[in-house]
Amino acid sequence: MATVQEKIELLHEKLAKVKAGGGEKRVEKQHAQGKMTARERLAKLFDDNSFVELDQFVKHRCVNFGQEAYIFN
């Protein structure tokens, strides 16, 4: 059984993966197109420490147009 500390570390790992925004390749692709990622745009829009992101671990359930094949985590 995992200890509380191990569970907290796992949570931090999952959160870091979510904040990576689909991985380095997707971020580089956005930047190559002259775009910022969604989190980068939010950081520019809001004052520091004024935005709280909710539901960071929600997964999409769309099955239209082949979307079920996309895993965004």
N, C-alpha and C. Protein backbone atom coordinates (compact mmCIF):
# COMPACT_ATOMS: atom_id res chain seq x y z
N MET A 1 0.84 -1.18 0.00
CA MET A 1 0.00 0.00 0.00
C MET A 1 0.89 1.25 0.00
N ALA A 2 0.51 2.21 -0.78
CA ALA A 2 1.29 3.44 -0.91
C ALA A 2 1.09 4.33 0.32
N THR A 3 2.16 4.98 0.71
CA THR A 3 2.08 5.91 1.82
C THR A 3 1.46 7.22 1.33
N VAL A 4 1.09 8.05 2.26
CA VAL A 4 0.52 9.35 1.91
C VAL A 4 1.53 10.15 1.10
N GLN A 5 2.79 10.12 1.50
CA GLN A 5 3.83 10.86 0.79
C GLN A 5 3.96 10.36 -0.65
N GLU A 6 3.88 9.06 -0.86
CA GLU A 6 3.96 8.50 -2.22
C GLU A 6 2.76 8.94 -3.06
N LYS A 7 1.60 8.99 -2.45
CA LYS A 7 0.40 9.44 -3.16
C LYS A 7 0.51 10.91 -3.53
N ILE A 8 1.06 11.71 -2.64
CA ILE A 8 1.26 13.13 -2.92
C ILE A 8 2.25 13.30 -4.07
N GLU A 9 3.32 12.53 -4.06
CA GLU A 9 4.30 12.60 -5.14
C GLU A 9 3.68 12.19 -6.47
N LEU A 10 2.84 11.16 -6.46
CA LEU A 10 2.15 10.73 -7.68
C LEU A 10 1.23 11.83 -8.19
N LEU A 11 0.54 12.49 -7.28
CA LEU A 11 -0.33 13.60 -7.66
C LEU A 11 0.47 14.73 -8.30
N HIS A 12 1.62 15.05 -7.72
CA HIS A 12 2.48 16.10 -8.29
C HIS A 12 2.99 15.70 -9.68
N GLU A 13 3.31 14.43 -9.87
CA GLU A 13 3.75 13.95 -11.19
C GLU A 13 2.64 14.08 -12.22
N LYS A 14 1.42 13.69 -11.84
CA LYS A 14 0.28 13.80 -12.75
C LYS A 14 -0.01 15.26 -13.08
N LEU A 15 0.09 16.13 -12.08
CA LEU A 15 -0.16 17.55 -12.30
C LEU A 15 0.88 18.14 -13.25
N ALA A 16 2.13 17.75 -13.10
CA ALA A 16 3.19 18.23 -14.00
C ALA A 16 2.92 17.77 -15.42
N LYS A 17 2.44 16.55 -15.57
CA LYS A 17 2.12 16.02 -16.90
C LYS A 17 0.97 16.80 -17.53
N VAL A 18 -0.04 17.13 -16.74
CA VAL A 18 -1.17 17.91 -17.23
C VAL A 18 -0.70 19.30 -17.65
N LYS A 19 0.13 19.92 -16.82
CA LYS A 19 0.61 21.28 -17.12
C LYS A 19 1.55 21.32 -18.30
N ALA A 20 2.08 20.17 -18.71
CA ALA A 20 2.98 20.12 -19.87
C ALA A 20 2.22 20.42 -21.16
N GLY A 21 0.90 20.41 -21.11
CA GLY A 21 0.11 20.82 -22.26
C GLY A 21 0.21 19.89 -23.45
N GLY A 22 0.20 18.61 -23.23
CA GLY A 22 0.26 17.66 -24.34
C GLY A 22 1.66 17.24 -24.70
N GLY A 23 2.63 17.75 -24.00
CA GLY A 23 4.01 17.37 -24.25
C GLY A 23 4.79 18.42 -25.00
N GLU A 24 6.09 18.24 -25.00
CA GLU A 24 7.00 19.22 -25.60
C GLU A 24 6.75 19.39 -27.10
N LYS A 25 6.43 18.30 -27.79
CA LYS A 25 6.20 18.39 -29.24
C LYS A 25 5.02 19.28 -29.57
N ARG A 26 3.94 19.14 -28.81
CA ARG A 26 2.76 19.97 -29.07
C ARG A 26 3.02 21.44 -28.75
N VAL A 27 3.77 21.68 -27.69
CA VAL A 27 4.11 23.06 -27.34
C VAL A 27 5.00 23.67 -28.42
N GLU A 28 5.99 22.92 -28.88
CA GLU A 28 6.87 23.40 -29.95
C GLU A 28 6.08 23.68 -31.22
N LYS A 29 5.11 22.83 -31.52
CA LYS A 29 4.28 23.02 -32.72
C LYS A 29 3.50 24.33 -32.62
N GLN A 30 2.93 24.60 -31.45
CA GLN A 30 2.21 25.86 -31.24
C GLN A 30 3.15 27.05 -31.44
N HIS A 31 4.32 26.97 -30.83
CA HIS A 31 5.28 28.08 -30.93
C HIS A 31 5.77 28.25 -32.36
N ALA A 32 5.95 27.16 -33.10
CA ALA A 32 6.39 27.23 -34.49
C ALA A 32 5.35 27.94 -35.36
N GLN A 33 4.09 27.85 -34.96
CA GLN A 33 3.01 28.51 -35.70
C GLN A 33 2.79 29.94 -35.21
N GLY A 34 3.66 30.39 -34.32
CA GLY A 34 3.53 31.74 -33.79
C GLY A 34 2.44 31.88 -32.74
N LYS A 35 2.04 30.77 -32.15
CA LYS A 35 0.97 30.78 -31.16
C LYS A 35 1.53 30.49 -29.77
N MET A 36 0.77 30.92 -28.77
CA MET A 36 1.08 30.56 -27.39
C MET A 36 0.15 29.43 -26.98
N THR A 37 0.55 28.67 -25.98
CA THR A 37 -0.33 27.63 -25.46
C THR A 37 -1.45 28.30 -24.67
N ALA A 38 -2.48 27.54 -24.36
CA ALA A 38 -3.61 28.10 -23.61
C ALA A 38 -3.15 28.64 -22.25
N ARG A 39 -2.29 27.90 -21.58
CA ARG A 39 -1.81 28.36 -20.27
C ARG A 39 -0.94 29.60 -20.40
N GLU A 40 -0.17 29.71 -21.46
CA GLU A 40 0.63 30.91 -21.68
C GLU A 40 -0.27 32.12 -21.93
N ARG A 41 -1.35 31.92 -22.68
CA ARG A 41 -2.29 33.02 -22.93
C ARG A 41 -2.97 33.45 -21.64
N LEU A 42 -3.35 32.47 -20.82
CA LEU A 42 -3.98 32.79 -19.53
C LEU A 42 -3.02 33.55 -18.62
N ALA A 43 -1.76 33.16 -18.63
CA ALA A 43 -0.75 33.84 -17.80
C ALA A 43 -0.60 35.30 -18.21
N LYS A 44 -0.73 35.59 -19.50
CA LYS A 44 -0.64 36.98 -19.97
C LYS A 44 -1.90 37.76 -19.63
N LEU A 45 -3.04 37.07 -19.64
CA LEU A 45 -4.32 37.73 -19.45
C LEU A 45 -4.57 38.11 -17.99
N PHE A 46 -4.22 37.23 -17.07
CA PHE A 46 -4.53 37.45 -15.65
C PHE A 46 -3.30 37.93 -14.88
N ASP A 47 -3.58 38.66 -13.79
CA ASP A 47 -2.51 39.06 -12.87
C ASP A 47 -1.95 37.81 -12.19
N ASP A 48 -0.71 37.91 -11.72
CA ASP A 48 -0.09 36.79 -11.00
C ASP A 48 -0.95 36.39 -9.80
N ASN A 49 -1.09 35.09 -9.63
CA ASN A 49 -1.83 34.51 -8.50
C ASN A 49 -3.30 34.92 -8.43
N SER A 50 -3.89 35.34 -9.55
CA SER A 50 -5.30 35.70 -9.54
C SER A 50 -6.16 34.67 -10.26
N PHE A 51 -5.55 33.69 -10.90
CA PHE A 51 -6.28 32.67 -11.64
C PHE A 51 -6.09 31.31 -10.97
N VAL A 52 -7.19 30.61 -10.75
CA VAL A 52 -7.15 29.27 -10.17
C VAL A 52 -7.79 28.32 -11.17
N GLU A 53 -7.01 27.37 -11.65
CA GLU A 53 -7.52 26.41 -12.62
C GLU A 53 -8.23 25.28 -11.88
N LEU A 54 -9.45 24.98 -12.29
CA LEU A 54 -10.23 23.90 -11.70
C LEU A 54 -10.32 22.74 -12.69
N ASP A 55 -10.58 21.57 -12.18
CA ASP A 55 -10.81 20.38 -13.01
C ASP A 55 -9.65 20.08 -13.93
N GLN A 56 -8.44 20.11 -13.42
CA GLN A 56 -7.25 19.86 -14.24
C GLN A 56 -7.14 18.43 -14.71
N PHE A 57 -7.82 17.51 -14.05
CA PHE A 57 -7.70 16.10 -14.39
C PHE A 57 -8.91 15.56 -15.16
N VAL A 58 -9.78 16.44 -15.63
CA VAL A 58 -10.96 16.01 -16.38
C VAL A 58 -10.52 15.49 -17.74
N LYS A 59 -11.14 14.40 -18.18
CA LYS A 59 -10.84 13.83 -19.49
C LYS A 59 -12.06 14.03 -20.39
N HIS A 60 -11.81 14.27 -21.66
CA HIS A 60 -12.92 14.46 -22.58
C HIS A 60 -13.61 13.13 -22.84
N ARG A 61 -14.89 13.20 -23.22
CA ARG A 61 -15.66 12.00 -23.51
C ARG A 61 -16.24 12.03 -24.92
N CYS A 62 -15.73 12.89 -25.76
CA CYS A 62 -16.24 13.04 -27.11
C CYS A 62 -15.89 11.82 -27.95
N VAL A 63 -16.87 11.29 -28.66
CA VAL A 63 -16.63 10.15 -29.54
C VAL A 63 -16.97 10.49 -31.00
N ASN A 64 -17.27 11.75 -31.26
CA ASN A 64 -17.59 12.18 -32.62
C ASN A 64 -16.32 12.46 -33.41
N PHE A 65 -16.36 12.21 -34.70
CA PHE A 65 -15.28 12.55 -35.61
C PHE A 65 -13.94 11.92 -35.23
N GLY A 66 -13.97 10.74 -34.64
CA GLY A 66 -12.74 10.05 -34.30
C GLY A 66 -12.03 10.57 -33.06
N GLN A 67 -12.70 11.41 -32.28
CA GLN A 67 -12.07 12.02 -31.11
C GLN A 67 -11.74 11.02 -30.01
N GLU A 68 -12.39 9.84 -30.04
CA GLU A 68 -12.11 8.86 -28.99
C GLU A 68 -10.68 8.36 -29.05
N ALA A 69 -10.02 8.54 -30.19
CA ALA A 69 -8.63 8.10 -30.34
C ALA A 69 -7.64 9.06 -29.69
N TYR A 70 -8.07 10.29 -29.42
CA TYR A 70 -7.17 11.28 -28.85
C TYR A 70 -7.13 11.16 -27.33
N ILE A 71 -5.94 11.02 -26.80
CA ILE A 71 -5.74 10.97 -25.36
C ILE A 71 -4.96 12.21 -24.98
N PHE A 72 -5.58 13.11 -24.23
CA PHE A 72 -4.94 14.36 -23.85
C PHE A 72 -4.46 14.28 -22.41
N ASN A 73 -3.45 13.50 -22.16
CA ASN A 73 -2.93 13.43 -20.80
C ASN A 73 -1.45 13.23 -20.81
